[in-house]
C-alpha cells in the first residue's frame, strides 16, 4: 500500500510547511496522467532494472518532450531550451501529485519541479528495515532488489524527514533504517552522521551501509550496473545486519 503523506507542522531547516501544499490544477493533473500513460516500453527502466509494475506503483511516467508541454511554471526553461526524454517521478502529494523529479534518460541529469520532498515515505510504515537513499532512482534500484526504500530527494530534506518521523512516531513501527546516502563527499557523510545521531536520540535502530553498498561508486544505480550480483548480495547482507539491530538496545547503531 502506498501512502500519501503531508508535511509536518514545522520544519527545522527553515522551510515553512505549516500550510498544506497546493494541489495541482486540472492541466497539471492531466499532464501527470498523460506521462503515466506514456511509460509503457520505456527502455531506460529496463536499463536500470526497474520493472514497469514498480514504476506504476509509484505513479512514475515518461515525457519525451520535457519541458515543452509541461504546464508547471517551474519547468519553463529548466533545461536551457533543450528537449529531454524524461522519467517523471512524483515525490510528495497533497490531494494528488504537485511536485516531481524529471530524469533525463540519456545522461541521468535531473530537474526538480516544485518544492522538493522525500520520495517513497510509505516505506516507513512497513515492518521490515528500510533503506534511506539520496536519489529517487537509487531508492527504486533498491526496491528492485526486494527491499523497502525511500529517498530524501536532496540532502536538505534530512531535517524534514526527521520532523515527519517525530510527528508520526506513534504510527510508525520500530524498524531499523539503513542509511545509504553516499560516501563520495563530506556533505553526504555529514548528513548521514546527523541523521544517525537524531535516530539514536529517537530510539530508532540504524545501520550505516555506504561503504558496503556503494563500493566506491557515486550512486547505487552505478554500483548495480557494474555488478548486479554483488549489489544484490550487499543489499541482502545489509538487510540481515539491520534486522539484528531490533534485538539490541534502541540507542545502538552499527556500520555494515
Protein backbone atom coordinates (compact mmCIF):
# COMPACT_ATOMS: atom_id res chain seq x y z
CA UNK A 1 0.00 0.00 0.00
CA UNK A 2 1.37 3.39 -0.98
CA UNK A 3 0.53 6.16 1.49
CA UNK A 4 0.03 9.81 0.65
CA UNK A 5 1.69 11.89 3.35
CA UNK A 6 1.52 15.51 4.35
CA UNK A 7 4.27 17.77 5.72
CA UNK A 8 4.71 18.22 9.46
CA UNK A 9 3.58 21.46 11.05
CA UNK A 10 7.13 22.75 11.27
CA UNK A 11 10.43 22.04 9.62
CA UNK A 12 13.78 22.59 11.41
CA UNK A 13 15.75 23.57 8.30
CA UNK A 14 13.66 26.69 7.80
CA UNK A 15 11.04 25.66 5.25
CA UNK A 16 7.55 26.80 6.30
CA UNK A 17 5.41 23.68 5.92
CA UNK A 18 2.52 24.73 8.14
CA UNK A 19 0.21 25.22 5.18
CA UNK A 20 -0.95 22.26 3.14
CA UNK A 21 0.68 22.38 -0.30
CA UNK A 22 -1.37 23.48 -3.25
CA UNK A 23 -2.95 20.61 -5.14
CA UNK A 24 -2.33 20.56 -8.90
CA UNK A 25 -4.69 22.25 -11.28
CA UNK A 26 -6.59 20.39 -13.95
CA UNK A 27 -3.93 20.95 -16.62
CA UNK A 28 -1.13 19.79 -14.30
CA UNK A 29 -3.04 16.68 -13.25
CA UNK A 30 -3.75 15.77 -16.86
CA UNK A 31 -0.07 16.22 -17.70
CA UNK A 32 0.98 13.78 -14.99
CA UNK A 33 -1.64 11.25 -16.03
CA UNK A 34 -0.54 11.53 -19.65
CA UNK A 35 3.06 10.86 -18.59
CA UNK A 36 1.92 7.72 -16.81
CA UNK A 37 0.15 6.55 -19.98
CA UNK A 38 3.39 7.06 -21.93
CA UNK A 39 5.53 4.91 -19.65
CA UNK A 40 4.94 1.59 -21.42
CA UNK A 41 8.07 0.27 -23.07
CA UNK A 42 10.45 2.84 -21.60
CA UNK A 43 13.88 1.37 -22.32
CA UNK A 44 15.51 3.37 -19.54
CA UNK A 45 13.57 1.36 -16.96
CA UNK A 46 14.92 -1.88 -18.42
CA UNK A 47 18.44 -0.46 -18.35
CA UNK A 48 18.07 0.34 -14.66
CA UNK A 49 16.44 -2.99 -13.86
CA UNK A 50 13.23 -1.29 -12.67
CA UNK A 51 10.03 -3.08 -13.60
CA UNK A 52 7.06 -1.26 -15.09
CA UNK A 53 4.97 -2.66 -12.26
CA UNK A 54 7.18 -0.96 -9.67
CA UNK A 55 7.14 2.27 -11.69
CA UNK A 56 3.35 2.16 -11.87
CA UNK A 57 3.11 1.59 -8.12
CA UNK A 58 4.85 4.93 -7.60
CA UNK A 59 2.93 6.77 -10.36
CA UNK A 60 6.05 7.25 -12.49
CA UNK A 61 5.61 8.43 -16.07
CA UNK A 62 7.54 9.38 -19.19
CA UNK A 63 7.69 12.62 -21.19
CA UNK A 64 9.61 12.56 -24.47
CA UNK A 65 9.26 16.32 -24.93
CA UNK A 66 10.09 17.65 -21.46
CA UNK A 67 9.76 20.51 -20.54
CA UNK A 68 7.82 21.59 -23.63
CA UNK A 69 4.15 20.99 -22.98
CA UNK A 70 4.62 20.73 -19.22
CA UNK A 71 2.15 23.17 -17.59
CA UNK A 72 4.14 23.57 -14.35
CA UNK A 73 5.54 27.11 -14.33
CA UNK A 74 8.75 25.94 -12.61
CA UNK A 75 9.53 23.73 -15.63
CA UNK A 76 9.79 26.63 -18.05
CA UNK A 77 13.39 26.98 -19.22
CA UNK A 78 14.69 24.48 -16.66
CA UNK A 79 16.67 22.55 -19.29
CA UNK A 80 18.16 25.58 -21.01
CA UNK A 81 15.91 25.21 -24.02
CA UNK A 82 16.86 21.57 -24.66
CA UNK A 83 14.34 18.77 -25.07
CA UNK A 84 14.67 15.84 -22.69
CA UNK A 85 13.40 12.29 -22.85
CA UNK A 86 12.47 12.17 -19.18
CA UNK A 87 11.18 9.91 -16.48
CA UNK A 88 8.70 11.88 -14.40
CA UNK A 89 8.93 10.74 -10.75
CA UNK A 90 6.38 12.24 -8.34
CA UNK A 91 7.54 12.95 -4.81
CA UNK A 92 5.12 14.12 -2.14
CA UNK A 93 1.44 14.57 -2.85
CA UNK A 94 -1.43 16.60 -1.49
CA UNK A 95 -4.79 15.52 -2.90
CA UNK A 96 -2.78 14.40 -5.92
CA UNK A 97 0.79 14.93 -7.07
CA UNK A 98 2.07 18.50 -7.10
CA UNK A 99 5.85 18.08 -7.41
CA UNK A 100 8.13 15.72 -9.30
CA UNK A 101 11.66 15.00 -10.46
CA UNK A 102 12.42 14.82 -14.18
CA UNK A 103 15.27 12.42 -15.02
CA UNK A 104 17.00 12.72 -18.40
CA UNK A 105 17.04 9.16 -19.72
CA UNK A 106 20.11 9.85 -21.85
CA UNK A 107 22.51 11.05 -19.17
CA UNK A 108 20.71 10.77 -15.80
CA UNK A 109 20.63 14.54 -15.23
CA UNK A 110 17.71 15.67 -13.07
CA UNK A 111 15.44 18.67 -12.55
CA UNK A 112 13.16 19.05 -9.53
CA UNK A 113 9.88 20.76 -10.28
CA UNK A 114 8.06 22.18 -7.28
CA UNK A 115 9.21 22.04 -3.68
CA UNK A 116 11.48 19.05 -3.14
CA UNK A 117 10.14 16.49 -0.69
CA UNK A 118 11.14 12.89 0.07
CA UNK A 119 10.02 10.02 -2.14
CA UNK A 120 8.60 6.66 -1.03
CA UNK A 121 7.92 7.65 2.58
CA UNK A 122 5.30 4.88 2.79
CA UNK A 123 8.30 2.57 3.39
CA UNK A 124 8.50 4.00 6.93
CA UNK A 125 5.22 2.25 7.70
CA UNK A 126 6.46 -1.21 6.73
CA UNK A 127 7.72 -3.64 9.35
CA UNK A 128 10.97 -4.60 7.62
CA UNK A 129 14.16 -2.47 7.57
CA UNK A 130 14.08 0.35 5.03
CA UNK A 131 16.94 1.93 3.08
CA UNK A 132 17.27 5.72 3.05
CA UNK A 133 18.95 6.87 -0.18
CA UNK A 134 19.58 10.28 -1.69
CA UNK A 135 18.03 10.00 -5.16
CA UNK A 136 14.70 8.56 -6.25
CA UNK A 137 16.40 6.36 -8.85
CA UNK A 138 18.65 4.87 -6.14
CA UNK A 139 15.60 4.11 -3.99
CA UNK A 140 13.90 2.40 -6.93
CA UNK A 141 17.08 0.43 -7.59
CA UNK A 142 16.99 -0.88 -4.02
CA UNK A 143 13.28 -1.66 -4.30
CA UNK A 144 14.02 -3.66 -7.44
CA UNK A 145 16.16 -5.90 -5.25
CA UNK A 146 13.21 -6.67 -2.98
CA UNK A 147 13.89 -4.18 -0.19
CA UNK A 148 11.89 -1.25 1.17
CA UNK A 149 13.44 2.15 0.41
CA UNK A 150 12.78 5.87 0.42
CA UNK A 151 14.75 8.80 -0.99
CA UNK A 152 15.47 12.19 0.51
CA UNK A 153 15.40 13.82 -2.92
CA UNK A 154 18.08 16.23 -1.72
CA UNK A 155 20.35 16.39 1.34
CA UNK A 156 18.43 19.34 2.77
CA UNK A 157 15.43 17.09 3.37
CA UNK A 158 17.10 15.24 6.26
CA UNK A 159 15.59 17.66 8.76
CA UNK A 160 12.19 17.48 7.12
CA UNK A 161 12.15 13.67 7.19
CA UNK A 162 13.22 13.57 10.85
CA UNK A 163 10.49 16.08 11.74
CA UNK A 164 7.92 13.93 9.94
CA UNK A 165 9.10 10.84 11.82
CA UNK A 166 8.86 12.63 15.16
CA UNK A 167 5.35 13.86 14.46
CA UNK A 168 4.16 10.41 13.39
CA UNK A 169 6.23 8.35 15.83
CA UNK A 170 3.13 6.77 17.37
CA UNK A 171 2.10 5.41 13.96
CA UNK A 172 5.48 4.17 12.75
CA UNK A 173 6.73 0.65 13.56
CA UNK A 174 10.07 0.30 15.31
CA UNK A 175 12.04 -0.88 12.33
CA UNK A 176 15.75 -0.24 11.58
CA UNK A 177 16.72 2.25 8.89
CA UNK A 178 19.67 1.58 6.61
CA UNK A 179 21.40 4.86 5.77
CA UNK A 180 22.90 4.81 2.26
CA UNK A 181 23.30 8.46 1.25
CA UNK A 182 26.72 8.05 -0.37
CA UNK A 183 30.31 8.24 0.78
CA UNK A 184 31.89 10.29 -2.02
CA UNK A 185 31.87 13.72 -0.32
CA UNK A 186 31.82 15.37 3.09
CA UNK A 187 28.31 16.78 2.67
CA UNK A 188 26.79 13.32 2.32
CA UNK A 189 28.84 11.91 5.18
CA UNK A 190 27.86 14.85 7.36
CA UNK A 191 24.15 14.46 6.70
CA UNK A 192 24.34 10.72 7.35
CA UNK A 193 26.10 11.40 10.66
CA UNK A 194 23.48 13.97 11.62
CA UNK A 195 20.65 11.60 10.77
CA UNK A 196 22.31 8.77 12.69
CA UNK A 197 22.64 10.99 15.75
CA UNK A 198 18.99 12.02 15.61
CA UNK A 199 17.81 8.44 15.11
CA UNK A 200 19.84 7.44 18.14
CA UNK A 201 18.08 10.08 20.21
CA UNK A 202 14.72 8.90 18.90
CA UNK A 203 15.47 5.29 19.82
CA UNK A 204 15.37 4.09 16.20
CA UNK A 205 17.94 1.43 15.22
CA UNK A 206 20.06 2.28 12.19
CA UNK A 207 22.79 0.83 10.00
CA UNK A 208 25.41 2.84 8.11
CA UNK A 209 25.87 0.92 4.87
CA UNK A 210 27.51 3.38 2.47
CA UNK A 211 30.88 1.68 2.07
CA UNK A 212 29.49 -1.79 1.59
CA UNK A 213 26.68 -0.99 -0.80
CA UNK A 214 28.18 1.83 -2.90
CA UNK A 215 31.51 0.04 -3.41
CA UNK A 216 33.24 3.28 -4.42
CA UNK A 217 30.55 4.33 -6.92
CA UNK A 218 28.73 7.66 -6.90
CA UNK A 219 25.27 6.08 -6.92
CA UNK A 220 23.58 2.80 -6.07
CA UNK A 221 22.41 2.58 -9.67
CA UNK A 222 26.03 2.69 -10.85
CA UNK A 223 27.00 0.04 -8.30
CA UNK A 224 24.22 -2.23 -9.52
CA UNK A 225 25.09 -1.65 -13.18
CA UNK A 226 28.70 -2.62 -12.58
CA UNK A 227 27.89 -5.91 -10.85
CA UNK A 228 24.23 -6.75 -10.25
CA UNK A 229 25.03 -9.95 -8.35
CA UNK A 230 27.37 -8.25 -5.90
CA UNK A 231 24.92 -5.40 -5.42
CA UNK A 232 22.07 -7.81 -4.66
CA UNK A 233 24.29 -9.64 -2.16
CA UNK A 234 25.21 -6.34 -0.48
CA UNK A 235 21.53 -5.39 -0.15
CA UNK A 236 20.69 -8.77 1.39
CA UNK A 237 23.62 -8.54 3.80
CA UNK A 238 22.63 -5.03 4.89
CA UNK A 239 19.06 -6.19 5.47
CA UNK A 240 20.25 -9.13 7.57
CA UNK A 241 22.56 -6.94 9.66
CA UNK A 242 19.84 -4.32 10.16
CA UNK A 243 17.32 -6.94 11.24
CA UNK A 244 19.67 -7.98 14.06
CA UNK A 245 19.51 -4.45 15.48
CA UNK A 246 15.93 -4.94 16.64
CA UNK A 247 17.27 -7.34 19.24
CA UNK A 248 19.70 -4.76 20.63
CA UNK A 249 19.35 -1.60 22.66
CA UNK A 250 17.38 1.02 20.69
CA UNK A 251 20.10 3.66 21.01
CA UNK A 252 22.68 1.50 19.28
CA UNK A 253 23.60 1.88 15.64
CA UNK A 254 26.02 -0.04 13.51
CA UNK A 255 28.17 0.25 10.42
CA UNK A 256 27.91 -2.56 7.89
